Structure formats: C-alpha cells, structure tokens
N, C-alpha and C. Protein backbone atom coordinates (compact mmCIF):
# COMPACT_ATOMS: atom_id res chain seq x y z
N UNK A 1 15.76 -13.82 18.86
CA UNK A 1 17.19 -13.97 18.82
C UNK A 1 17.62 -14.22 17.37
N UNK A 2 18.64 -13.49 16.93
CA UNK A 2 19.10 -13.59 15.56
C UNK A 2 19.77 -14.94 15.29
N UNK A 3 19.53 -15.44 14.11
CA UNK A 3 20.19 -16.66 13.65
C UNK A 3 21.37 -16.25 12.79
N UNK A 4 22.44 -17.04 12.83
CA UNK A 4 23.65 -16.71 12.09
C UNK A 4 24.06 -17.87 11.18
N UNK A 5 24.65 -17.51 10.05
CA UNK A 5 25.17 -18.50 9.12
C UNK A 5 26.33 -19.23 9.79
N UNK A 6 26.30 -20.55 9.79
CA UNK A 6 27.39 -21.30 10.42
C UNK A 6 28.72 -21.18 9.66
N UNK A 7 28.67 -20.77 8.40
CA UNK A 7 29.89 -20.66 7.59
C UNK A 7 30.59 -19.32 7.79
N UNK A 8 29.82 -18.22 7.66
CA UNK A 8 30.46 -16.90 7.72
C UNK A 8 30.09 -16.10 8.96
N UNK A 9 29.07 -16.54 9.71
CA UNK A 9 28.67 -15.85 10.94
C UNK A 9 27.74 -14.67 10.72
N UNK A 10 27.37 -14.40 9.48
CA UNK A 10 26.48 -13.29 9.17
C UNK A 10 25.06 -13.57 9.69
N UNK A 11 24.38 -12.51 10.07
CA UNK A 11 22.98 -12.65 10.49
C UNK A 11 22.14 -13.10 9.31
N UNK A 12 21.27 -14.06 9.54
CA UNK A 12 20.36 -14.54 8.49
C UNK A 12 19.10 -13.69 8.58
N UNK A 13 18.87 -12.86 7.56
CA UNK A 13 17.73 -11.95 7.57
C UNK A 13 16.48 -12.60 7.01
N UNK A 14 16.64 -13.56 6.14
CA UNK A 14 15.49 -14.29 5.61
C UNK A 14 15.75 -15.77 5.76
N UNK A 15 14.87 -16.42 6.48
CA UNK A 15 15.03 -17.86 6.71
C UNK A 15 14.27 -18.68 5.69
N UNK A 16 13.76 -18.03 4.65
CA UNK A 16 13.03 -18.75 3.61
C UNK A 16 13.96 -19.34 2.55
N UNK A 17 15.10 -18.67 2.35
CA UNK A 17 16.03 -19.13 1.32
C UNK A 17 16.86 -20.32 1.78
N UNK A 18 17.47 -20.98 0.81
CA UNK A 18 18.30 -22.14 1.11
C UNK A 18 19.76 -21.76 1.27
N UNK A 19 20.11 -20.53 0.85
CA UNK A 19 21.50 -20.09 0.88
C UNK A 19 21.67 -18.84 1.73
N UNK A 20 22.86 -18.68 2.30
CA UNK A 20 23.20 -17.47 3.03
C UNK A 20 23.25 -16.31 2.04
N UNK A 21 22.69 -15.18 2.40
CA UNK A 21 22.68 -14.02 1.52
C UNK A 21 24.03 -13.34 1.40
N UNK A 22 24.98 -13.67 2.26
CA UNK A 22 26.30 -13.04 2.24
C UNK A 22 27.32 -13.94 1.54
N UNK A 23 27.45 -15.19 2.00
CA UNK A 23 28.50 -16.07 1.47
C UNK A 23 27.97 -17.15 0.52
N UNK A 24 26.66 -17.23 0.37
CA UNK A 24 26.00 -18.21 -0.51
C UNK A 24 26.18 -19.67 -0.08
N UNK A 25 26.61 -19.88 1.14
CA UNK A 25 26.72 -21.25 1.65
C UNK A 25 25.32 -21.80 1.91
N UNK A 26 25.13 -23.10 1.70
CA UNK A 26 23.83 -23.70 2.02
C UNK A 26 23.54 -23.58 3.51
N UNK A 27 22.30 -23.20 3.83
CA UNK A 27 21.90 -23.10 5.24
C UNK A 27 21.34 -24.43 5.72
N UNK A 28 21.70 -24.86 6.91
CA UNK A 28 21.14 -26.10 7.45
C UNK A 28 19.62 -26.00 7.58
N UNK A 29 18.96 -27.12 7.43
CA UNK A 29 17.50 -27.19 7.52
C UNK A 29 16.99 -26.56 8.81
N UNK A 30 17.72 -26.74 9.91
CA UNK A 30 17.28 -26.22 11.21
C UNK A 30 17.20 -24.70 11.24
N UNK A 31 17.92 -24.03 10.34
CA UNK A 31 17.91 -22.57 10.31
C UNK A 31 16.91 -22.01 9.31
N UNK A 32 16.31 -22.87 8.52
CA UNK A 32 15.37 -22.43 7.49
C UNK A 32 13.93 -22.65 7.93
N UNK A 33 13.05 -21.82 7.39
CA UNK A 33 11.61 -22.03 7.59
C UNK A 33 11.13 -22.95 6.48
N UNK A 34 10.28 -23.87 6.84
CA UNK A 34 9.77 -24.79 5.84
C UNK A 34 8.25 -24.75 5.81
N UNK A 35 7.72 -25.04 4.65
CA UNK A 35 6.29 -25.17 4.41
C UNK A 35 5.35 -24.46 5.36
N UNK A 36 4.87 -25.19 6.33
CA UNK A 36 3.85 -24.68 7.24
C UNK A 36 4.35 -23.48 8.04
N UNK A 37 5.60 -23.52 8.48
CA UNK A 37 6.16 -22.40 9.25
C UNK A 37 6.15 -21.12 8.41
N UNK A 38 6.63 -21.23 7.18
CA UNK A 38 6.67 -20.06 6.30
C UNK A 38 5.26 -19.55 6.03
N UNK A 39 4.32 -20.46 5.82
CA UNK A 39 2.94 -20.06 5.57
C UNK A 39 2.33 -19.33 6.75
N UNK A 40 2.61 -19.81 7.96
CA UNK A 40 2.09 -19.15 9.17
C UNK A 40 2.64 -17.74 9.30
N UNK A 41 3.93 -17.60 9.07
CA UNK A 41 4.56 -16.29 9.19
C UNK A 41 4.04 -15.35 8.12
N UNK A 42 3.85 -15.85 6.92
CA UNK A 42 3.31 -15.02 5.84
C UNK A 42 1.89 -14.56 6.18
N UNK A 43 1.08 -15.44 6.74
CA UNK A 43 -0.29 -15.08 7.13
C UNK A 43 -0.27 -14.05 8.25
N UNK A 44 0.63 -14.21 9.22
CA UNK A 44 0.74 -13.23 10.31
C UNK A 44 1.18 -11.88 9.77
N UNK A 45 2.11 -11.88 8.83
CA UNK A 45 2.60 -10.64 8.24
C UNK A 45 1.47 -9.92 7.49
N UNK A 46 0.69 -10.68 6.73
CA UNK A 46 -0.43 -10.11 5.98
C UNK A 46 -1.46 -9.51 6.95
N UNK A 47 -1.74 -10.22 8.03
CA UNK A 47 -2.69 -9.72 9.03
C UNK A 47 -2.17 -8.45 9.68
N UNK A 48 -0.88 -8.41 9.97
CA UNK A 48 -0.29 -7.21 10.58
C UNK A 48 -0.39 -6.01 9.63
N UNK A 49 -0.14 -6.23 8.35
CA UNK A 49 -0.27 -5.15 7.36
C UNK A 49 -1.70 -4.64 7.29
N UNK A 50 -2.66 -5.56 7.32
CA UNK A 50 -4.07 -5.16 7.29
C UNK A 50 -4.43 -4.36 8.54
N UNK A 51 -3.91 -4.78 9.69
CA UNK A 51 -4.18 -4.06 10.94
C UNK A 51 -3.61 -2.64 10.88
N UNK A 52 -2.41 -2.50 10.33
CA UNK A 52 -1.79 -1.18 10.21
C UNK A 52 -2.64 -0.29 9.31
N UNK A 53 -3.06 -0.82 8.16
CA UNK A 53 -3.90 -0.02 7.24
C UNK A 53 -5.21 0.39 7.92
N UNK A 54 -5.80 -0.53 8.67
CA UNK A 54 -7.06 -0.22 9.36
C UNK A 54 -6.85 0.87 10.41
N UNK A 55 -5.79 0.77 11.18
CA UNK A 55 -5.50 1.78 12.21
C UNK A 55 -5.21 3.14 11.58
N UNK A 56 -4.47 3.14 10.48
CA UNK A 56 -4.18 4.40 9.79
C UNK A 56 -5.47 5.04 9.28
N UNK A 57 -6.38 4.22 8.75
CA UNK A 57 -7.66 4.76 8.27
C UNK A 57 -8.48 5.30 9.44
N UNK A 58 -8.48 4.60 10.56
CA UNK A 58 -9.21 5.08 11.74
C UNK A 58 -8.65 6.41 12.22
N UNK A 59 -7.33 6.57 12.17
CA UNK A 59 -6.72 7.84 12.58
C UNK A 59 -7.13 8.96 11.65
N UNK A 60 -7.14 8.69 10.33
CA UNK A 60 -7.58 9.71 9.36
C UNK A 60 -9.04 10.08 9.62
N UNK A 61 -9.87 9.06 9.85
CA UNK A 61 -11.28 9.32 10.10
C UNK A 61 -11.47 10.15 11.37
N UNK A 62 -10.71 9.83 12.41
CA UNK A 62 -10.79 10.59 13.67
C UNK A 62 -10.39 12.05 13.46
N UNK A 63 -9.33 12.27 12.68
CA UNK A 63 -8.90 13.65 12.41
C UNK A 63 -9.98 14.42 11.65
N UNK A 64 -10.61 13.76 10.70
CA UNK A 64 -11.67 14.43 9.93
C UNK A 64 -12.87 14.75 10.80
N UNK A 65 -13.20 13.84 11.70
CA UNK A 65 -14.33 14.08 12.59
C UNK A 65 -14.05 15.24 13.56
N UNK A 66 -12.80 15.33 14.01
CA UNK A 66 -12.46 16.38 14.97
C UNK A 66 -12.23 17.73 14.29
N UNK A 67 -11.99 17.70 12.97
CA UNK A 67 -11.75 18.93 12.23
C UNK A 67 -12.44 18.81 10.87
N UNK A 68 -13.77 18.86 10.84
CA UNK A 68 -14.51 18.57 9.61
C UNK A 68 -14.24 19.52 8.45
N UNK A 69 -13.85 20.77 8.75
CA UNK A 69 -13.60 21.72 7.69
C UNK A 69 -12.21 21.54 7.08
N UNK A 70 -11.38 20.78 7.74
CA UNK A 70 -10.04 20.56 7.23
C UNK A 70 -9.08 21.69 7.55
N UNK A 71 -9.55 22.67 8.31
CA UNK A 71 -8.69 23.80 8.67
C UNK A 71 -8.04 23.54 10.02
N UNK A 72 -6.83 23.98 10.12
CA UNK A 72 -6.10 23.78 11.39
C UNK A 72 -6.30 24.96 12.30
C-alpha cells in the first residue's frame, strides 16, 4: 500500500529520505525507513538483482545448449 505525504498528499516513492520529494516537507518518522529496516530492504534488493542476473545467465546458457551453432 502506497504511503502519502501528510502535507501535500503525494505518493512517497522513497522512504529513506527525510523530506517529501514533491513539497520538501519533513516526513514523519513513522513514514520513513530507519537503520535496520533500510538495511534489510537494501539487502533484499541486492539479492533480487543477483537472482535476476543468475536467471538471465541460465536462460542464455540454455539457448546456447539448444542451439550450439548459434543459427536460428
């Protein structure tokens, strides 16, 4: 569920910052990610990126195995 700035009502796209990206009003602590929360999300994001790269490599490898000459 999207979080919104209490001042302007804009969707908060990044909860790491202290200010609203639209109106620059300070965001309440409850709407921001702090320390451990931000670290967990960053680690999950990094893991997801690694998984995507691994799956893409597996797909390339599968295509090469099924068509070793590279001809269609």
